[in-house]
Amino acid sequence: MNILIQISYTSNDNKVMHQGSFPLKRKTKEEVAFEFWSWIKKEHPYECEIEKVIVDGEDITEKVKELAKAPLD
């Protein structure tokens, strides 16, 4: 099953939006959105700040922000 993820963020005082369709592959939609967000941050030379995360029409911004704050195992 694929999900559509839209991430809006600011980078270097610019508002940007990336979106894509991703398979769940035994992960939650929050985990897949966080992986997409991590990839976006790695691709930018400037600091990025997340504004909104929409997955299949549902706002999961706070859940993704919580994953970003969680320590890595």
PDB file of N, CA and C in Angstrom:
ATOM      1  N   MET A   1       0.838  -1.181   0.000  1.00  0.00           N
ATOM      2  CA  MET A   1       0.000   0.000   0.000  1.00  0.00           C
ATOM      3  C   MET A   1       0.884   1.246   0.000  1.00  0.00           C
ATOM      4  N   ASN A   2       0.573   2.196  -0.851  1.00  0.00           N
ATOM      5  CA  ASN A   2       1.314   3.446  -0.922  1.00  0.00           C
ATOM      6  C   ASN A   2       0.549   4.566  -0.226  1.00  0.00           C
ATOM      7  N   ILE A   3       1.301   5.518   0.318  1.00  0.00           N
ATOM      8  CA  ILE A   3       0.712   6.707   0.937  1.00  0.00           C
ATOM      9  C   ILE A   3       1.293   7.932   0.251  1.00  0.00           C
ATOM     10  N   LEU A   4       0.515   9.014   0.201  1.00  0.00           N
ATOM     11  CA  LEU A   4       0.979  10.279  -0.364  1.00  0.00           C
ATOM     12  C   LEU A   4       1.389  11.202   0.773  1.00  0.00           C
ATOM     13  N   ILE A   5       2.643  11.653   0.748  1.00  0.00           N
ATOM     14  CA  ILE A   5       3.171  12.520   1.799  1.00  0.00           C
ATOM     15  C   ILE A   5       3.478  13.885   1.199  1.00  0.00           C
ATOM     16  N   GLN A   6       3.016  14.940   1.874  1.00  0.00           N
ATOM     17  CA  GLN A   6       3.336  16.325   1.515  1.00  0.00           C
ATOM     18  C   GLN A   6       3.984  16.970   2.728  1.00  0.00           C
ATOM     19  N   ILE A   7       5.208  17.477   2.542  1.00  0.00           N
ATOM     20  CA  ILE A   7       5.908  18.139   3.641  1.00  0.00           C
ATOM     21  C   ILE A   7       6.192  19.576   3.241  1.00  0.00           C
ATOM     22  N   SER A   8       5.685  20.518   4.055  1.00  0.00           N
ATOM     23  CA  SER A   8       5.959  21.941   3.862  1.00  0.00           C
ATOM     24  C   SER A   8       6.965  22.356   4.919  1.00  0.00           C
ATOM     25  N   TYR A   9       7.967  23.136   4.501  1.00  0.00           N
ATOM     26  CA  TYR A   9       9.016  23.547   5.427  1.00  0.00           C
ATOM     27  C   TYR A   9       9.636  24.852   4.957  1.00  0.00           C
ATOM     28  N   THR A  10      10.431  25.462   5.849  1.00  0.00           N
ATOM     29  CA  THR A  10      11.177  26.658   5.477  1.00  0.00           C
ATOM     30  C   THR A  10      12.662  26.323   5.483  1.00  0.00           C
ATOM     31  N   SER A  11      13.354  26.904   4.516  1.00  0.00           N
ATOM     32  CA  SER A  11      14.797  26.720   4.399  1.00  0.00           C
ATOM     33  C   SER A  11      15.379  28.015   3.857  1.00  0.00           C
ATOM     34  N   ASN A  12      16.290  28.608   4.617  1.00  0.00           N
ATOM     35  CA  ASN A  12      16.937  29.842   4.190  1.00  0.00           C
ATOM     36  C   ASN A  12      15.893  30.919   3.864  1.00  0.00           C
ATOM     37  N   ASP A  13      14.896  31.065   4.742  1.00  0.00           N
ATOM     38  CA  ASP A  13      13.804  32.043   4.616  1.00  0.00           C
ATOM     39  C   ASP A  13      12.924  31.832   3.392  1.00  0.00           C
ATOM     40  N   ASN A  14      12.912  30.638   2.830  1.00  0.00           N
ATOM     41  CA  ASN A  14      12.038  30.294   1.708  1.00  0.00           C
ATOM     42  C   ASN A  14      11.073  29.194   2.134  1.00  0.00           C
ATOM     43  N   LYS A  15       9.824  29.315   1.700  1.00  0.00           N
ATOM     44  CA  LYS A  15       8.845  28.255   1.967  1.00  0.00           C
ATOM     45  C   LYS A  15       8.896  27.267   0.810  1.00  0.00           C
ATOM     46  N   VAL A  16       8.988  25.974   1.166  1.00  0.00           N
ATOM     47  CA  VAL A  16       9.152  24.919   0.175  1.00  0.00           C
ATOM     48  C   VAL A  16       8.188  23.786   0.510  1.00  0.00           C
ATOM     49  N   MET A  17       7.754  23.047  -0.536  1.00  0.00           N
ATOM     50  CA  MET A  17       6.901  21.887  -0.320  1.00  0.00           C
ATOM     51  C   MET A  17       7.416  20.753  -1.198  1.00  0.00           C
ATOM     52  N   HIS A  18       7.603  19.586  -0.588  1.00  0.00           N
ATOM     53  CA  HIS A  18       7.966  18.363  -1.310  1.00  0.00           C
ATOM     54  C   HIS A  18       6.843  17.359  -1.095  1.00  0.00           C
ATOM     55  N   GLN A  19       6.593  16.554  -2.105  1.00  0.00           N
ATOM     56  CA  GLN A  19       5.609  15.498  -1.944  1.00  0.00           C
ATOM     57  C   GLN A  19       6.037  14.269  -2.723  1.00  0.00           C
ATOM     58  N   GLY A  20       5.502  13.136  -2.319  1.00  0.00           N
ATOM     59  CA  GLY A  20       5.807  11.895  -3.007  1.00  0.00           C
ATOM     60  C   GLY A  20       4.925  10.775  -2.515  1.00  0.00           C
ATOM     61  N   SER A  21       4.911   9.696  -3.280  1.00  0.00           N
ATOM     62  CA  SER A  21       4.158   8.502  -2.926  1.00  0.00           C
ATOM     63  C   SER A  21       5.150   7.443  -2.462  1.00  0.00           C
ATOM     64  N   PHE A  22       4.872   6.843  -1.302  1.00  0.00           N
ATOM     65  CA  PHE A  22       5.808   5.909  -0.683  1.00  0.00           C
ATOM     66  C   PHE A  22       5.086   4.651  -0.215  1.00  0.00           C
ATOM     67  N   PRO A  23       5.745   3.489  -0.324  1.00  0.00           N
ATOM     68  CA  PRO A  23       5.163   2.258   0.228  1.00  0.00           C
ATOM     69  C   PRO A  23       5.369   2.215   1.741  1.00  0.00           C
ATOM     70  N   LEU A  24       4.426   1.616   2.454  1.00  0.00           N
ATOM     71  CA  LEU A  24       4.555   1.513   3.909  1.00  0.00           C
ATOM     72  C   LEU A  24       5.594   0.472   4.320  1.00  0.00           C
ATOM     73  N   LYS A  25       5.650  -0.672   3.668  1.00  0.00           N
ATOM     74  CA  LYS A  25       6.631  -1.719   3.968  1.00  0.00           C
ATOM     75  C   LYS A  25       6.772  -1.989   5.467  1.00  0.00           C
ATOM     76  N   ARG A  26       5.675  -2.351   6.105  1.00  0.00           N
ATOM     77  CA  ARG A  26       5.656  -2.708   7.534  1.00  0.00           C
ATOM     78  C   ARG A  26       6.076  -1.572   8.461  1.00  0.00           C
ATOM     79  N   LYS A  27       5.900  -0.343   8.032  1.00  0.00           N
ATOM     80  CA  LYS A  27       6.196   0.821   8.867  1.00  0.00           C
ATOM     81  C   LYS A  27       4.920   1.631   9.019  1.00  0.00           C
ATOM     82  N   THR A  28       4.894   2.486  10.035  1.00  0.00           N
ATOM     83  CA  THR A  28       3.748   3.379  10.197  1.00  0.00           C
ATOM     84  C   THR A  28       3.911   4.556   9.245  1.00  0.00           C
ATOM     85  N   LYS A  29       2.813   5.248   8.995  1.00  0.00           N
ATOM     86  CA  LYS A  29       2.887   6.413   8.115  1.00  0.00           C
ATOM     87  C   LYS A  29       3.769   7.502   8.722  1.00  0.00           C
ATOM     88  N   GLU A  30       3.814   7.584  10.049  1.00  0.00           N
ATOM     89  CA  GLU A  30       4.677   8.560  10.704  1.00  0.00           C
ATOM     90  C   GLU A  30       6.151   8.239  10.463  1.00  0.00           C
ATOM     91  N   GLU A  31       6.502   6.963  10.536  1.00  0.00           N
ATOM     92  CA  GLU A  31       7.897   6.554  10.308  1.00  0.00           C
ATOM     93  C   GLU A  31       8.324   6.835   8.873  1.00  0.00           C
ATOM     94  N   VAL A  32       7.452   6.561   7.910  1.00  0.00           N
ATOM     95  CA  VAL A  32       7.782   6.809   6.509  1.00  0.00           C
ATOM     96  C   VAL A  32       7.919   8.313   6.270  1.00  0.00           C
ATOM     97  N   ALA A  33       7.014   9.110   6.842  1.00  0.00           N
ATOM     98  CA  ALA A  33       7.092  10.566   6.697  1.00  0.00           C
ATOM     99  C   ALA A  33       8.370  11.095   7.335  1.00  0.00           C
ATOM    100  N   PHE A  34       8.758  10.550   8.493  1.00  0.00           N
ATOM    101  CA  PHE A  34       9.996  10.983   9.145  1.00  0.00           C
ATOM    102  C   PHE A  34      11.220  10.638   8.290  1.00  0.00           C
ATOM    103  N   GLU A  35      11.227   9.471   7.660  1.00  0.00           N
ATOM    104  CA  GLU A  35      12.333   9.101   6.775  1.00  0.00           C
ATOM    105  C   GLU A  35      12.420  10.058   5.587  1.00  0.00           C
ATOM    106  N   PHE A  36      11.269  10.428   5.029  1.00  0.00           N
ATOM    107  CA  PHE A  36      11.232  11.392   3.922  1.00  0.00           C
ATOM    108  C   PHE A  36      11.774  12.742   4.402  1.00  0.00           C
ATOM    109  N   TRP A  37      11.357  13.177   5.582  1.00  0.00           N
ATOM    110  CA  TRP A  37      11.832  14.442   6.153  1.00  0.00           C
ATOM    111  C   TRP A  37      13.351  14.397   6.377  1.00  0.00           C
ATOM    112  N   SER A  38      13.847  13.291   6.882  1.00  0.00           N
ATOM    113  CA  SER A  38      15.297  13.140   7.105  1.00  0.00           C
ATOM    114  C   SER A  38      16.054  13.244   5.783  1.00  0.00           C
ATOM    115  N   TRP A  39      15.512  12.637   4.733  1.00  0.00           N
ATOM    116  CA  TRP A  39      16.145  12.711   3.421  1.00  0.00           C
ATOM    117  C   TRP A  39      16.157  14.157   2.912  1.00  0.00           C
ATOM    118  N   ILE A  40      15.052  14.871   3.082  1.00  0.00           N
ATOM    119  CA  ILE A  40      14.973  16.273   2.643  1.00  0.00           C
ATOM    120  C   ILE A  40      16.047  17.097   3.351  1.00  0.00           C
ATOM    121  N   LYS A  41      16.163  16.926   4.676  1.00  0.00           N
ATOM    122  CA  LYS A  41      17.147  17.699   5.433  1.00  0.00           C
ATOM    123  C   LYS A  41      18.571  17.415   4.973  1.00  0.00           C
ATOM    124  N   LYS A  42      18.869  16.158   4.627  1.00  0.00           N
ATOM    125  CA  LYS A  42      20.219  15.810   4.165  1.00  0.00           C
ATOM    126  C   LYS A  42      20.529  16.447   2.812  1.00  0.00           C
ATOM    127  N   GLU A  43      19.529  16.675   1.997  1.00  0.00           N
ATOM    128  CA  GLU A  43      19.719  17.215   0.655  1.00  0.00           C
ATOM    129  C   GLU A  43      19.934  18.733   0.649  1.00  0.00           C
ATOM    130  N   HIS A  44      19.642  19.396   1.765  1.00  0.00           N
ATOM    131  CA  HIS A  44      19.757  20.855   1.823  1.00  0.00           C
ATOM    132  C   HIS A  44      21.031  21.298   2.535  1.00  0.00           C
ATOM    133  N   PRO A  45      21.713  22.284   1.961  1.00  0.00           N
ATOM    134  CA  PRO A  45      22.907  22.806   2.630  1.00  0.00           C
ATOM    135  C   PRO A  45      22.559  23.727   3.807  1.00  0.00           C
ATOM    136  N   TYR A  46      21.309  24.196   3.864  1.00  0.00           N
ATOM    137  CA  TYR A  46      20.876  25.104   4.921  1.00  0.00           C
ATOM    138  C   TYR A  46      19.970  24.376   5.909  1.00  0.00           C
ATOM    139  N   GLU A  47      19.809  24.979   7.066  1.00  0.00           N
ATOM    140  CA  GLU A  47      18.921  24.442   8.092  1.00  0.00           C
ATOM    141  C   GLU A  47      17.483  24.462   7.580  1.00  0.00           C
ATOM    142  N   CYS A  48      16.731  23.416   7.866  1.00  0.00           N
ATOM    143  CA  CYS A  48      15.327  23.307   7.459  1.00  0.00           C
ATOM    144  C   CYS A  48      14.451  23.201   8.696  1.00  0.00           C
ATOM    145  N   GLU A  49      13.305  23.874   8.660  1.00  0.00           N
ATOM    146  CA  GLU A  49      12.352  23.794   9.766  1.00  0.00           C
ATOM    147  C   GLU A  49      11.012  23.326   9.224  1.00  0.00           C
ATOM    148  N   ILE A  50      10.514  22.256   9.785  1.00  0.00           N
ATOM    149  CA  ILE A  50       9.272  21.650   9.323  1.00  0.00           C
ATOM    150  C   ILE A  50       8.089  22.547   9.679  1.00  0.00           C
ATOM    151  N   GLU A  51       7.166  22.696   8.744  1.00  0.00           N
ATOM    152  CA  GLU A  51       5.966  23.495   8.970  1.00  0.00           C
ATOM    153  C   GLU A  51       4.724  22.603   9.074  1.00  0.00           C
ATOM    154  N   LYS A  52       4.548  21.703   8.094  1.00  0.00           N
ATOM    155  CA  LYS A  52       3.351  20.865   8.067  1.00  0.00           C
ATOM    156  C   LYS A  52       3.650  19.565   7.342  1.00  0.00           C
ATOM    157  N   VAL A  53       3.097  18.476   7.867  1.00  0.00           N
ATOM    158  CA  VAL A  53       3.211  17.156   7.238  1.00  0.00           C
ATOM    159  C   VAL A  53       1.803  16.607   7.053  1.00  0.00           C
ATOM    160  N   ILE A  54       1.447  16.352   5.796  1.00  0.00           N
ATOM    161  CA  ILE A  54       0.129  15.815   5.460  1.00  0.00           C
ATOM    162  C   ILE A  54       0.328  14.447   4.812  1.00  0.00           C
ATOM    163  N   VAL A  55      -0.351  13.438   5.355  1.00  0.00           N
ATOM    164  CA  VAL A  55      -0.302  12.091   4.777  1.00  0.00           C
ATOM    165  C   VAL A  55      -1.730  11.689   4.430  1.00  0.00           C
ATOM    166  N   ASP A  56      -1.965  11.486   3.154  1.00  0.00           N
ATOM    167  CA  ASP A  56      -3.300  11.119   2.663  1.00  0.00           C
ATOM    168  C   ASP A  56      -4.392  12.009   3.263  1.00  0.00           C
ATOM    169  N   GLY A  57      -4.143  13.314   3.304  1.00  0.00           N
ATOM    170  CA  GLY A  57      -5.127  14.277   3.793  1.00  0.00           C
ATOM    171  C   GLY A  57      -5.155  14.482   5.294  1.00  0.00           C
ATOM    172  N   GLU A  58      -4.355  13.734   6.048  1.00  0.00           N
ATOM    173  CA  GLU A  58      -4.333  13.842   7.513  1.00  0.00           C
ATOM    174  C   GLU A  58      -3.071  14.582   7.965  1.00  0.00           C
ATOM    175  N   ASP A  59      -3.253  15.574   8.843  1.00  0.00           N
ATOM    176  CA  ASP A  59      -2.122  16.340   9.375  1.00  0.00           C
ATOM    177  C   ASP A  59      -1.455  15.537  10.497  1.00  0.00           C
ATOM    178  N   ILE A  60      -0.201  15.125  10.271  1.00  0.00           N
ATOM    179  CA  ILE A  60       0.536  14.365  11.294  1.00  0.00           C
ATOM    180  C   ILE A  60       1.811  15.111  11.694  1.00  0.00           C
ATOM    181  N   THR A  61       1.790  16.421  11.569  1.00  0.00           N
ATOM    182  CA  THR A  61       2.970  17.239  11.837  1.00  0.00           C
ATOM    183  C   THR A  61       3.554  16.982  13.221  1.00  0.00           C
ATOM    184  N   GLU A  62       2.715  17.013  14.244  1.00  0.00           N
ATOM    185  CA  GLU A  62       3.210  16.848  15.618  1.00  0.00           C
ATOM    186  C   GLU A  62       3.831  15.472  15.838  1.00  0.00           C
ATOM    187  N   LYS A  63       3.259  14.445  15.242  1.00  0.00           N
ATOM    188  CA  LYS A  63       3.805  13.093  15.397  1.00  0.00           C
ATOM    189  C   LYS A  63       5.191  12.985  14.771  1.00  0.00           C
ATOM    190  N   VAL A  64       5.379  13.619  13.620  1.00  0.00           N
ATOM    191  CA  VAL A  64       6.691  13.586  12.955  1.00  0.00           C
ATOM    192  C   VAL A  64       7.695  14.411  13.755  1.00  0.00           C
ATOM    193  N   LYS A  65       7.266  15.545  14.297  1.00  0.00           N
ATOM    194  CA  LYS A  65       8.161  16.363  15.131  1.00  0.00           C
ATOM    195  C   LYS A  65       8.604  15.582  16.375  1.00  0.00           C
ATOM    196  N   GLU A  66       7.707  14.805  16.950  1.00  0.00           N
ATOM    197  CA  GLU A  66       8.070  13.971  18.110  1.00  0.00           C
ATOM    198  C   GLU A  66       9.104  12.940  17.743  1.00  0.00           C
ATOM    199  N   LEU A  67       8.960  12.322  16.565  1.00  0.00           N
ATOM    200  CA  LEU A  67       9.963  11.345  16.113  1.00  0.00           C
ATOM    201  C   LEU A  67      11.311  12.030  15.894  1.00  0.00           C
ATOM    202  N   ALA A  68      11.304  13.256  15.412  1.00  0.00           N
ATOM    203  CA  ALA A  68      12.547  13.988  15.170  1.00  0.00           C
ATOM    204  C   ALA A  68      13.277  14.299  16.481  1.00  0.00           C
ATOM    205  N   LYS A  69      12.505  14.500  17.560  1.00  0.00           N
ATOM    206  CA  LYS A  69      13.108  14.806  18.859  1.00  0.00           C
ATOM    207  C   LYS A  69      13.570  13.565  19.613  1.00  0.00           C
ATOM    208  N   ALA A  70      13.029  12.408  19.252  1.00  0.00           N
ATOM    209  CA  ALA A  70      13.342  11.174  19.980  1.00  0.00           C
ATOM    210  C   ALA A  70      14.793  10.764  19.757  1.00  0.00           C
ATOM    211  N   PRO A  71      15.443  10.258  20.801  1.00  0.00           N
ATOM    212  CA  PRO A  71      16.835   9.785  20.626  1.00  0.00           C
ATOM    213  C   PRO A  71      16.878   8.547  19.756  1.00  0.00           C
ATOM    214  N   LEU A  72      17.937   8.430  18.992  1.00  0.00           N
ATOM    215  CA  LEU A  72      18.126   7.246  18.138  1.00  0.00           C
ATOM    216  C   LEU A  72      18.589   6.075  18.977  1.00  0.00           C
ATOM    217  N   ASP A  73      18.137   4.883  18.663  1.00  0.00           N
ATOM    218  CA  ASP A  73      18.555   3.676  19.396  1.00  0.00           C
ATOM    219  C   ASP A  73      19.924   3.238  18.954  1.00  0.00           C
TER     220      ASP A  73
END
